[in-house]
């Protein structure tokens, strides 16, 4: 009897396995093939890190005082870099003179106003240390008043040209100390060490030095 039970159990087991395999084959769609999972993406090791290159730009605006130079005696100036290598400067200088002659009782009051306008080329040198070349013109306004019991006044306008070379220290953005110095040629009729002819065009050397702030 035990042998029959074992035989029956074995037959039932075989029938069940066969039925299960048939059901799995019927449930799968036609042409179905198992697809292996995609391979894991390989992440390359991190390479060397490079910092972005720092590019220094010159400060665009400068306010400075200049001794001698284009203002003749001194000037207060504003300059704007209209290009990285080109600066445009406008300034103003003022000088007042008073005189009195006690013998004649005559007093004199005279003023000189200068308005220098120059263009500088800054393309020779580094960002901060520059060999500067340039030129321009200066407008002069002269007024005078003479009091000898009767006040008499007069005024006049003139101009002279300038050309200069020199050294400039120009800071980078955002702001910093500004310095310049060099020699200038002042050019106009009657300016000459070798001729006294007032109508002859000439030039004389004229130094300059300036300091201020750029921003």
Protein backbone atom coordinates (compact mmCIF):
# COMPACT_ATOMS: atom_id res chain seq x y z
CA UNK A 1 0.00 0.00 0.00
CA UNK A 2 2.83 2.34 0.84
CA UNK A 3 4.41 1.69 -2.52
CA UNK A 4 1.20 2.72 -4.25
CA UNK A 5 1.01 5.93 -2.29
CA UNK A 6 4.60 6.79 -3.18
CA UNK A 7 3.97 6.04 -6.86
CA UNK A 8 0.79 8.17 -6.89
CA UNK A 9 2.56 11.06 -5.21
CA UNK A 10 5.39 10.94 -7.73
CA UNK A 11 2.91 10.99 -10.64
CA UNK A 12 1.06 13.97 -9.18
CA UNK A 13 4.33 15.84 -8.71
CA UNK A 14 5.35 15.26 -12.34
CA UNK A 15 1.93 16.38 -13.61
CA UNK A 16 2.11 19.56 -11.53
CA UNK A 17 5.62 20.50 -12.78
CA UNK A 18 4.61 19.89 -16.41
CA UNK A 19 1.47 22.00 -16.02
CA UNK A 20 3.42 24.86 -14.45
CA UNK A 21 5.99 24.93 -17.29
CA UNK A 22 3.17 24.94 -19.90
CA UNK A 23 1.39 27.85 -18.19
CA UNK A 24 4.61 29.93 -18.07
CA UNK A 25 5.22 29.36 -21.77
CA UNK A 26 1.64 30.38 -22.65
CA UNK A 27 1.72 33.57 -20.54
CA UNK A 28 4.88 34.91 -22.22
CA UNK A 29 4.25 36.92 -25.43
CA UNK A 30 5.42 35.51 -28.75
CA UNK A 31 9.00 36.30 -29.57
CA UNK A 32 9.68 37.39 -26.01
CA UNK A 33 13.26 37.19 -24.93
CA UNK A 34 14.59 38.23 -21.61
CA UNK A 35 16.83 41.27 -21.82
CA UNK A 36 19.74 41.51 -19.46
CA UNK A 37 19.94 44.73 -17.42
CA UNK A 38 22.08 47.49 -18.96
CA UNK A 39 25.63 47.68 -17.72
CA UNK A 40 26.32 50.20 -15.02
CA UNK A 41 27.73 53.46 -16.45
CA UNK A 42 31.36 53.95 -15.58
CA UNK A 43 32.03 57.41 -14.13
CA UNK A 44 35.52 58.62 -15.08
CA UNK A 45 37.70 59.71 -12.20
CA UNK A 46 37.74 63.48 -11.61
CA UNK A 47 40.45 65.26 -13.57
CA UNK A 48 42.55 68.20 -12.44
CA UNK A 49 40.59 71.33 -11.51
CA UNK A 50 41.53 74.59 -13.17
CA UNK A 51 40.63 78.01 -11.81
CA UNK A 52 39.23 80.57 -14.25
CA UNK A 53 41.82 82.99 -15.54
CA UNK A 54 41.63 86.36 -13.79
CA UNK A 55 41.70 89.24 -16.28
CA UNK A 56 42.54 92.62 -14.78
CA UNK A 57 40.84 95.67 -16.23
CA UNK A 58 42.04 99.21 -15.72
CA UNK A 59 39.84 101.48 -13.62
CA UNK A 60 37.88 103.63 -16.07
CA UNK A 61 37.62 106.95 -14.22
CA UNK A 62 40.41 109.08 -12.76
CA UNK A 63 40.39 112.33 -10.79
CA UNK A 64 43.84 113.85 -10.29
CA UNK A 65 45.76 117.05 -9.65
CA UNK A 66 48.62 117.92 -11.99
CA UNK A 67 51.48 120.29 -11.33
CA UNK A 68 52.74 122.32 -14.31
CA UNK A 69 51.82 120.29 -17.43
CA UNK A 70 48.87 121.13 -19.65
CA UNK A 71 47.41 123.61 -17.17
CA UNK A 72 50.71 125.60 -17.25
CA UNK A 73 50.94 125.98 -13.45
CA UNK A 74 48.49 123.41 -12.07
CA UNK A 75 45.15 121.83 -12.96
CA UNK A 76 42.41 119.66 -11.50
CA UNK A 77 41.42 116.97 -14.00
CA UNK A 78 38.97 114.22 -14.81
CA UNK A 79 39.91 111.45 -17.20
CA UNK A 80 37.77 108.71 -18.69
CA UNK A 81 39.11 105.63 -20.45
CA UNK A 82 36.96 105.53 -23.56
CA UNK A 83 38.89 102.38 -24.53
CA UNK A 84 41.19 100.09 -22.56
CA UNK A 85 44.17 101.88 -24.15
CA UNK A 86 42.78 105.39 -24.77
CA UNK A 87 42.11 108.05 -22.13
CA UNK A 88 40.36 111.39 -22.63
CA UNK A 89 41.18 114.13 -20.09
CA UNK A 90 39.50 117.48 -19.35
CA UNK A 91 40.79 119.81 -16.68
CA UNK A 92 40.73 123.31 -15.28
CA UNK A 93 43.39 125.56 -13.81
CA UNK A 94 43.14 129.02 -12.30
CA UNK A 95 45.70 131.62 -11.33
CA UNK A 96 45.05 135.10 -9.94
CA UNK A 97 47.64 137.88 -9.68
CA UNK A 98 47.42 141.20 -7.85
CA UNK A 99 49.82 144.11 -8.17
CA UNK A 100 50.03 147.61 -6.75
CA UNK A 101 52.34 150.54 -7.52
CA UNK A 102 52.39 152.90 -4.52
CA UNK A 103 54.19 155.64 -6.48
CA UNK A 104 51.45 155.91 -9.10
CA UNK A 105 48.63 154.56 -6.95
CA UNK A 106 47.77 152.00 -9.62
CA UNK A 107 46.50 148.51 -8.79
CA UNK A 108 46.25 145.63 -11.20
CA UNK A 109 44.22 142.45 -10.93
CA UNK A 110 44.74 139.69 -13.52
CA UNK A 111 43.43 136.12 -13.81
CA UNK A 112 44.40 133.20 -16.01
CA UNK A 113 42.03 130.26 -16.53
CA UNK A 114 43.27 127.21 -18.42
CA UNK A 115 41.16 124.38 -19.80
CA UNK A 116 43.41 121.48 -20.89
CA UNK A 117 42.05 118.75 -23.15
CA UNK A 118 44.31 115.79 -23.94
CA UNK A 119 44.17 112.27 -25.35
CA UNK A 120 46.51 109.57 -23.99
CA UNK A 121 47.52 106.27 -25.54
CA UNK A 122 48.13 103.57 -22.91
CA UNK A 123 48.94 100.55 -25.04
CA UNK A 124 52.66 100.37 -24.18
CA UNK A 125 53.42 98.46 -21.00
CA UNK A 126 51.43 96.32 -18.58
CA UNK A 127 47.98 96.85 -17.10
CA UNK A 128 49.31 99.06 -14.29
CA UNK A 129 52.77 100.28 -15.36
CA UNK A 130 52.43 102.22 -18.59
CA UNK A 131 54.58 104.25 -20.95
CA UNK A 132 52.17 107.04 -21.82
CA UNK A 133 52.15 109.15 -24.99
CA UNK A 134 49.61 111.74 -26.01
CA UNK A 135 48.75 115.27 -26.94
CA UNK A 136 46.04 117.86 -27.08
CA UNK A 137 45.33 121.55 -26.66
CA UNK A 138 44.75 124.01 -23.83
CA UNK A 139 42.36 126.94 -23.99
CA UNK A 140 43.46 130.07 -22.09
CA UNK A 141 41.18 132.84 -20.85
CA UNK A 142 42.89 135.98 -19.54
CA UNK A 143 41.18 138.85 -17.76
CA UNK A 144 42.73 142.02 -16.34
CA UNK A 145 41.51 145.04 -14.44
CA UNK A 146 43.53 148.24 -13.90
CA UNK A 147 42.50 150.78 -11.29
CA UNK A 148 44.28 154.13 -11.54
CA UNK A 149 41.32 156.13 -10.29
CA UNK A 150 39.32 154.82 -13.20
CA UNK A 151 38.81 151.09 -13.52
CA UNK A 152 39.62 149.61 -16.90
CA UNK A 153 38.98 145.98 -17.75
CA UNK A 154 39.98 143.72 -20.60
CA UNK A 155 40.00 140.04 -21.53
CA UNK A 156 41.40 137.74 -24.18
CA UNK A 157 41.28 134.13 -25.33
CA UNK A 158 44.13 132.04 -26.66
CA UNK A 159 45.29 128.43 -27.00
CA UNK A 160 48.41 126.32 -27.26
CA UNK A 161 49.11 122.74 -28.26
CA UNK A 162 50.66 120.00 -26.14
CA UNK A 163 52.48 116.72 -26.75
CA UNK A 164 53.86 114.55 -23.97
CA UNK A 165 55.57 111.31 -23.01
CA UNK A 166 55.89 109.88 -19.53
CA UNK A 167 55.29 107.13 -17.00
CA UNK A 168 51.91 106.32 -15.54
CA UNK A 169 50.84 104.00 -12.76
CA UNK A 170 47.18 103.18 -13.35
CA UNK A 171 45.34 100.87 -10.92
CA UNK A 172 43.04 98.03 -11.86
CA UNK A 173 39.37 97.90 -10.98
CA UNK A 174 37.69 98.65 -8.69
CA UNK A 175 39.84 101.56 -7.41
CA UNK A 176 43.31 102.66 -6.39
CA UNK A 177 46.07 105.26 -6.32
CA UNK A 178 46.97 106.97 -9.60
CA UNK A 179 50.30 108.58 -10.51
CA UNK A 180 51.83 110.10 -13.63
CA UNK A 181 54.92 112.07 -14.54
CA UNK A 182 56.85 113.08 -17.64
CA UNK A 183 57.77 115.88 -19.97
CA UNK A 184 55.53 117.90 -22.24
CA UNK A 185 56.12 120.14 -25.23
CA UNK A 186 54.06 123.35 -25.11
CA UNK A 187 53.59 124.66 -28.66
CA UNK A 188 52.34 128.07 -29.82
CA UNK A 189 53.35 131.15 -31.72
CA UNK A 190 56.07 133.10 -29.97
CA UNK A 191 57.19 130.18 -27.76
CA UNK A 192 60.86 129.60 -28.40
CA UNK A 193 64.18 129.80 -26.58
CA UNK A 194 66.01 130.61 -29.80
CA UNK A 195 63.83 133.30 -31.38
CA UNK A 196 62.10 136.44 -30.17
CA UNK A 197 59.80 136.65 -33.18
CA UNK A 198 56.23 136.71 -31.75
CA UNK A 199 54.77 135.29 -34.95
CA UNK A 200 57.11 132.33 -35.21
CA UNK A 201 55.65 128.98 -34.12
CA UNK A 202 57.80 127.22 -31.57
CA UNK A 203 57.83 124.85 -28.62
CA UNK A 204 59.36 124.72 -25.15
CA UNK A 205 59.72 121.71 -22.82
CA UNK A 206 57.45 121.68 -19.80
CA UNK A 207 57.49 118.94 -17.12
CA UNK A 208 54.44 117.57 -15.37
CA UNK A 209 53.61 115.39 -12.38
CA UNK A 210 50.19 114.28 -11.21
CA UNK A 211 48.54 112.17 -8.55
CA UNK A 212 45.00 111.18 -7.67
CA UNK A 213 42.62 108.23 -7.59
CA UNK A 214 41.14 105.91 -10.22
CA UNK A 215 37.86 104.07 -9.82
